[in-house]
Amino acid sequence: RKKKEEKETKTWSCLYRIIDPEEIRETIKEAFIMDKEANIKALIEFLPEIKRGSRCNTVKALQTILARYGWYSDKIDGSAGPNTISGIKLLQTALNLDADGVVGSATWTKLLLG
């Protein structure tokens, strides 16, 4: 068993000299950037629908985005109240979407991919 472990250690040590870990990280990073649209689409599937009464950190992030564009000036608290919904409707209008005040996949897609 000890010889097998020593052999595996030597093998990994040799591979480490051949394959630079930093190069692997850069390759993965480049692959992500090259396929950014597909990665964002995959992420959108996991984003929650935001509507009146929603409470979560994603609402906080959305409130921050809305505030950056001047569509929200209330406290960033993670709670989708009337002012957040008004900001969402302004955002949806600016993105040429149906201004229903609900952030679903269509709004997330337009917001994140343009």
N, C-alpha and C. Protein backbone atom coordinates (compact mmCIF):
# COMPACT_ATOMS: atom_id res chain seq x y z
N ARG A 1 0.83 -1.19 0.00
CA ARG A 1 0.00 0.00 0.00
C ARG A 1 0.88 1.26 0.00
N LYS A 2 1.93 1.24 0.79
CA LYS A 2 2.81 2.39 0.89
C LYS A 2 3.49 2.65 -0.44
N LYS A 3 3.90 1.59 -1.14
CA LYS A 3 4.54 1.75 -2.46
C LYS A 3 3.57 2.35 -3.46
N LYS A 4 2.31 1.92 -3.39
CA LYS A 4 1.29 2.46 -4.29
C LYS A 4 1.10 3.95 -4.05
N GLU A 5 1.06 4.35 -2.78
CA GLU A 5 0.91 5.77 -2.44
C GLU A 5 2.11 6.57 -2.90
N GLU A 6 3.32 6.00 -2.75
CA GLU A 6 4.53 6.69 -3.20
C GLU A 6 4.50 6.87 -4.72
N LYS A 7 4.04 5.84 -5.42
CA LYS A 7 3.96 5.90 -6.88
C LYS A 7 2.96 6.97 -7.32
N GLU A 8 1.80 7.02 -6.66
CA GLU A 8 0.80 8.03 -6.99
C GLU A 8 1.33 9.43 -6.72
N THR A 9 2.06 9.58 -5.60
CA THR A 9 2.64 10.88 -5.26
C THR A 9 3.64 11.31 -6.33
N LYS A 10 4.48 10.38 -6.77
CA LYS A 10 5.46 10.69 -7.82
C LYS A 10 4.75 11.05 -9.13
N THR A 11 3.68 10.33 -9.45
CA THR A 11 2.93 10.60 -10.67
C THR A 11 2.36 12.01 -10.63
N TRP A 12 1.71 12.37 -9.50
CA TRP A 12 1.13 13.71 -9.39
C TRP A 12 2.22 14.78 -9.41
N SER A 13 3.34 14.47 -8.79
CA SER A 13 4.45 15.42 -8.77
C SER A 13 4.95 15.67 -10.19
N CYS A 14 5.06 14.61 -10.98
CA CYS A 14 5.47 14.76 -12.39
C CYS A 14 4.44 15.56 -13.18
N LEU A 15 3.17 15.25 -12.98
CA LEU A 15 2.12 15.97 -13.69
C LEU A 15 2.13 17.45 -13.34
N TYR A 16 2.39 17.74 -12.07
CA TYR A 16 2.42 19.13 -11.64
C TYR A 16 3.53 19.90 -12.35
N ARG A 17 4.63 19.22 -12.63
CA ARG A 17 5.72 19.89 -13.35
C ARG A 17 5.35 20.10 -14.82
N ILE A 18 4.51 19.23 -15.37
CA ILE A 18 4.11 19.32 -16.77
C ILE A 18 2.95 20.30 -16.93
N ILE A 19 1.96 20.21 -16.03
CA ILE A 19 0.75 21.02 -16.12
C ILE A 19 0.79 22.08 -15.02
N ASP A 20 0.93 23.30 -15.41
CA ASP A 20 0.98 24.42 -14.47
C ASP A 20 -0.42 24.72 -13.95
N PRO A 21 -0.63 24.64 -12.63
CA PRO A 21 -1.97 24.92 -12.07
C PRO A 21 -2.50 26.30 -12.45
N GLU A 22 -1.62 27.28 -12.54
CA GLU A 22 -2.05 28.63 -12.93
C GLU A 22 -2.56 28.63 -14.37
N GLU A 23 -1.93 27.85 -15.21
CA GLU A 23 -2.37 27.74 -16.60
C GLU A 23 -3.75 27.08 -16.68
N ILE A 24 -3.97 26.10 -15.83
CA ILE A 24 -5.28 25.44 -15.78
C ILE A 24 -6.34 26.45 -15.35
N ARG A 25 -6.05 27.24 -14.32
CA ARG A 25 -7.01 28.26 -13.87
C ARG A 25 -7.32 29.25 -14.98
N GLU A 26 -6.29 29.67 -15.70
CA GLU A 26 -6.50 30.63 -16.80
C GLU A 26 -7.33 30.01 -17.91
N THR A 27 -7.11 28.73 -18.20
CA THR A 27 -7.87 28.04 -19.24
C THR A 27 -9.34 27.96 -18.85
N ILE A 28 -9.61 27.63 -17.59
CA ILE A 28 -10.99 27.55 -17.11
C ILE A 28 -11.64 28.94 -17.17
N LYS A 29 -10.89 29.95 -16.76
CA LYS A 29 -11.40 31.33 -16.79
C LYS A 29 -11.74 31.74 -18.22
N GLU A 30 -10.84 31.44 -19.16
CA GLU A 30 -11.09 31.78 -20.57
C GLU A 30 -12.32 31.05 -21.10
N ALA A 31 -12.46 29.77 -20.72
CA ALA A 31 -13.62 28.99 -21.17
C ALA A 31 -14.91 29.61 -20.65
N PHE A 32 -14.89 30.06 -19.40
CA PHE A 32 -16.08 30.70 -18.83
C PHE A 32 -16.41 31.97 -19.59
N ILE A 33 -15.41 32.79 -19.84
CA ILE A 33 -15.64 34.05 -20.55
C ILE A 33 -16.14 33.79 -21.96
N MET A 34 -15.57 32.80 -22.64
CA MET A 34 -15.97 32.50 -24.02
C MET A 34 -17.42 32.03 -24.08
N ASP A 35 -17.86 31.35 -23.04
CA ASP A 35 -19.22 30.82 -23.04
C ASP A 35 -20.06 31.55 -21.99
N LYS A 36 -19.80 32.84 -21.84
CA LYS A 36 -20.46 33.65 -20.81
C LYS A 36 -21.98 33.59 -20.93
N GLU A 37 -22.50 33.70 -22.15
CA GLU A 37 -23.95 33.71 -22.35
C GLU A 37 -24.59 32.42 -21.84
N ALA A 38 -23.98 31.29 -22.18
CA ALA A 38 -24.53 30.00 -21.74
C ALA A 38 -24.46 29.89 -20.22
N ASN A 39 -23.39 30.39 -19.62
CA ASN A 39 -23.24 30.33 -18.16
C ASN A 39 -24.27 31.22 -17.47
N ILE A 40 -24.52 32.39 -18.03
CA ILE A 40 -25.53 33.27 -17.44
C ILE A 40 -26.91 32.67 -17.58
N LYS A 41 -27.19 32.06 -18.73
CA LYS A 41 -28.49 31.41 -18.92
C LYS A 41 -28.69 30.29 -17.90
N ALA A 42 -27.62 29.55 -17.62
CA ALA A 42 -27.71 28.48 -16.61
C ALA A 42 -27.97 29.07 -15.23
N LEU A 43 -27.33 30.18 -14.93
CA LEU A 43 -27.52 30.85 -13.64
C LEU A 43 -28.94 31.37 -13.49
N ILE A 44 -29.50 31.92 -14.57
CA ILE A 44 -30.84 32.50 -14.54
C ILE A 44 -31.88 31.47 -14.10
N GLU A 45 -31.67 30.21 -14.46
CA GLU A 45 -32.61 29.16 -14.07
C GLU A 45 -32.73 29.03 -12.55
N PHE A 46 -31.69 29.46 -11.83
CA PHE A 46 -31.69 29.30 -10.37
C PHE A 46 -32.06 30.58 -9.64
N LEU A 47 -32.22 31.68 -10.37
CA LEU A 47 -32.60 32.93 -9.72
C LEU A 47 -34.09 32.89 -9.38
N PRO A 48 -34.44 33.36 -8.20
CA PRO A 48 -35.85 33.30 -7.81
C PRO A 48 -36.69 34.33 -8.55
N GLU A 49 -37.97 34.03 -8.68
CA GLU A 49 -38.91 35.03 -9.18
C GLU A 49 -39.10 36.05 -8.06
N ILE A 50 -39.02 37.31 -8.43
CA ILE A 50 -39.21 38.36 -7.43
C ILE A 50 -40.51 39.08 -7.73
N LYS A 51 -41.35 39.15 -6.69
CA LYS A 51 -42.64 39.84 -6.81
C LYS A 51 -42.93 40.50 -5.47
N ARG A 52 -44.02 41.24 -5.40
CA ARG A 52 -44.39 41.92 -4.15
C ARG A 52 -44.38 40.91 -3.01
N GLY A 53 -43.68 41.28 -1.94
CA GLY A 53 -43.62 40.42 -0.76
C GLY A 53 -42.39 39.52 -0.71
N SER A 54 -41.66 39.40 -1.82
CA SER A 54 -40.44 38.57 -1.81
C SER A 54 -39.43 39.16 -0.86
N ARG A 55 -38.72 38.28 -0.15
CA ARG A 55 -37.69 38.73 0.79
C ARG A 55 -36.50 37.79 0.67
N CYS A 56 -35.38 38.33 0.20
CA CYS A 56 -34.16 37.52 0.10
C CYS A 56 -32.99 38.41 -0.33
N ASN A 57 -31.81 37.85 -0.33
CA ASN A 57 -30.63 38.60 -0.74
C ASN A 57 -30.66 38.96 -2.21
N THR A 58 -31.35 38.17 -3.02
CA THR A 58 -31.47 38.49 -4.43
C THR A 58 -32.27 39.78 -4.61
N VAL A 59 -33.25 40.01 -3.76
CA VAL A 59 -34.00 41.27 -3.79
C VAL A 59 -33.05 42.42 -3.46
N LYS A 60 -32.17 42.22 -2.48
CA LYS A 60 -31.18 43.25 -2.15
C LYS A 60 -30.32 43.58 -3.35
N ALA A 61 -29.86 42.55 -4.04
CA ALA A 61 -29.02 42.76 -5.23
C ALA A 61 -29.80 43.53 -6.29
N LEU A 62 -31.06 43.15 -6.49
CA LEU A 62 -31.89 43.84 -7.48
C LEU A 62 -32.14 45.29 -7.06
N GLN A 63 -32.40 45.53 -5.79
CA GLN A 63 -32.59 46.90 -5.31
C GLN A 63 -31.34 47.74 -5.56
N THR A 64 -30.18 47.14 -5.39
CA THR A 64 -28.92 47.84 -5.65
C THR A 64 -28.81 48.22 -7.12
N ILE A 65 -29.17 47.30 -8.01
CA ILE A 65 -29.14 47.58 -9.45
C ILE A 65 -30.14 48.69 -9.78
N LEU A 66 -31.35 48.57 -9.25
CA LEU A 66 -32.38 49.58 -9.51
C LEU A 66 -31.92 50.96 -9.01
N ALA A 67 -31.31 51.01 -7.84
CA ALA A 67 -30.83 52.27 -7.27
C ALA A 67 -29.73 52.87 -8.14
N ARG A 68 -28.88 52.03 -8.68
CA ARG A 68 -27.78 52.50 -9.53
C ARG A 68 -28.31 53.26 -10.75
N TYR A 69 -29.47 52.85 -11.24
CA TYR A 69 -30.06 53.49 -12.42
C TYR A 69 -31.10 54.55 -12.06
N GLY A 70 -31.26 54.80 -10.76
CA GLY A 70 -32.20 55.83 -10.34
C GLY A 70 -33.65 55.39 -10.29
N TRP A 71 -33.90 54.10 -10.33
CA TRP A 71 -35.27 53.59 -10.32
C TRP A 71 -35.73 53.17 -8.93
N TYR A 72 -34.84 53.33 -7.94
CA TYR A 72 -35.17 52.95 -6.57
C TYR A 72 -34.33 53.82 -5.63
N SER A 73 -34.99 54.44 -4.66
CA SER A 73 -34.25 55.32 -3.74
C SER A 73 -34.56 55.01 -2.28
N ASP A 74 -35.22 53.92 -2.04
CA ASP A 74 -35.59 53.54 -0.68
C ASP A 74 -34.46 52.73 -0.05
N LYS A 75 -34.67 52.24 1.16
CA LYS A 75 -33.69 51.44 1.87
C LYS A 75 -33.48 50.10 1.15
N ILE A 76 -32.22 49.70 1.00
CA ILE A 76 -31.91 48.40 0.42
C ILE A 76 -31.97 47.38 1.55
N ASP A 77 -33.12 46.70 1.61
CA ASP A 77 -33.39 45.83 2.75
C ASP A 77 -33.74 44.39 2.37
N GLY A 78 -33.81 44.10 1.09
CA GLY A 78 -34.12 42.73 0.66
C GLY A 78 -35.59 42.39 0.69
N SER A 79 -36.43 43.40 0.85
CA SER A 79 -37.88 43.18 0.89
C SER A 79 -38.53 43.90 -0.29
N ALA A 80 -39.24 43.16 -1.11
CA ALA A 80 -39.87 43.73 -2.31
C ALA A 80 -41.21 44.36 -1.96
N GLY A 81 -41.14 45.61 -1.53
CA GLY A 81 -42.35 46.36 -1.21
C GLY A 81 -42.78 47.21 -2.41
N PRO A 82 -43.71 48.13 -2.19
CA PRO A 82 -44.26 48.94 -3.29
C PRO A 82 -43.21 49.73 -4.07
N ASN A 83 -42.21 50.28 -3.38
CA ASN A 83 -41.18 51.05 -4.08
C ASN A 83 -40.28 50.17 -4.94
N THR A 84 -40.00 48.97 -4.45
CA THR A 84 -39.22 48.02 -5.24
C THR A 84 -40.01 47.63 -6.49
N ILE A 85 -41.28 47.36 -6.32
CA ILE A 85 -42.12 46.96 -7.46
C ILE A 85 -42.19 48.10 -8.48
N SER A 86 -42.30 49.34 -8.01
CA SER A 86 -42.31 50.48 -8.93
C SER A 86 -41.00 50.55 -9.71
N GLY A 87 -39.89 50.32 -9.01
CA GLY A 87 -38.58 50.30 -9.67
C GLY A 87 -38.47 49.18 -10.69
N ILE A 88 -39.01 48.02 -10.36
CA ILE A 88 -39.01 46.88 -11.29
C ILE A 88 -39.78 47.24 -12.55
N LYS A 89 -40.93 47.89 -12.38
CA LYS A 89 -41.74 48.28 -13.54
C LYS A 89 -41.00 49.28 -14.42
N LEU A 90 -40.28 50.21 -13.81
CA LEU A 90 -39.47 51.16 -14.59
C LEU A 90 -38.37 50.42 -15.36
N LEU A 91 -37.73 49.47 -14.68
CA LEU A 91 -36.71 48.65 -15.32
C LEU A 91 -37.29 47.89 -16.51
N GLN A 92 -38.42 47.24 -16.29
CA GLN A 92 -39.05 46.45 -17.35
C GLN A 92 -39.44 47.33 -18.54
N THR A 93 -39.93 48.52 -18.28
CA THR A 93 -40.27 49.45 -19.36
C THR A 93 -39.01 49.82 -20.15
N ALA A 94 -37.93 50.10 -19.43
CA ALA A 94 -36.67 50.45 -20.09
C ALA A 94 -36.13 49.29 -20.93
N LEU A 95 -36.43 48.06 -20.52
CA LEU A 95 -35.96 46.87 -21.26
C LEU A 95 -36.97 46.41 -22.32
N ASN A 96 -38.00 47.21 -22.53
CA ASN A 96 -39.07 46.88 -23.50
C ASN A 96 -39.76 45.56 -23.16
N LEU A 97 -40.03 45.38 -21.88
CA LEU A 97 -40.76 44.19 -21.43
C LEU A 97 -42.11 44.62 -20.87
N ASP A 98 -43.01 43.66 -20.72
CA ASP A 98 -44.30 43.91 -20.09
C ASP A 98 -44.03 44.32 -18.64
N ALA A 99 -44.42 45.51 -18.26
CA ALA A 99 -44.15 46.04 -16.92
C ALA A 99 -45.16 45.51 -15.92
N ASP A 100 -44.97 44.24 -15.53
CA ASP A 100 -45.90 43.60 -14.60
C ASP A 100 -45.40 43.64 -13.15
N GLY A 101 -44.18 44.12 -12.93
CA GLY A 101 -43.64 44.21 -11.58
C GLY A 101 -43.13 42.90 -11.02
N VAL A 102 -43.05 41.87 -11.85
CA VAL A 102 -42.54 40.56 -11.44
C VAL A 102 -41.26 40.28 -12.21
N VAL A 103 -40.18 39.99 -11.48
CA VAL A 103 -38.91 39.66 -12.14
C VAL A 103 -38.84 38.15 -12.26
N GLY A 104 -39.11 37.68 -13.47
CA GLY A 104 -39.01 36.26 -13.79
C GLY A 104 -37.88 36.07 -14.78
N SER A 105 -37.88 34.93 -15.46
CA SER A 105 -36.77 34.61 -16.36
C SER A 105 -36.61 35.62 -17.50
N ALA A 106 -37.71 36.15 -18.03
CA ALA A 106 -37.61 37.12 -19.13
C ALA A 106 -36.90 38.40 -18.68
N THR A 107 -37.26 38.89 -17.49
CA THR A 107 -36.63 40.11 -16.98
C THR A 107 -35.18 39.85 -16.62
N TRP A 108 -34.91 38.71 -15.93
CA TRP A 108 -33.53 38.38 -15.59
C TRP A 108 -32.68 38.28 -16.85
N THR A 109 -33.19 37.60 -17.88
CA THR A 109 -32.43 37.41 -19.12
C THR A 109 -32.09 38.75 -19.76
N LYS A 110 -33.07 39.63 -19.90
CA LYS A 110 -32.84 40.95 -20.51
C LYS A 110 -31.89 41.77 -19.66
N LEU A 111 -32.04 41.70 -18.36
CA LEU A 111 -31.20 42.47 -17.45
C LEU A 111 -29.74 42.00 -17.51
N LEU A 112 -29.53 40.70 -17.50
CA LEU A 112 -28.18 40.16 -17.43
C LEU A 112 -27.50 39.96 -18.79
N LEU A 113 -28.29 39.77 -19.82
CA LEU A 113 -27.71 39.54 -21.15
C LEU A 113 -27.95 40.68 -22.13
N GLY A 114 -28.89 41.55 -21.79
CA GLY A 114 -29.16 42.69 -22.68
C GLY A 114 -30.10 42.37 -23.80
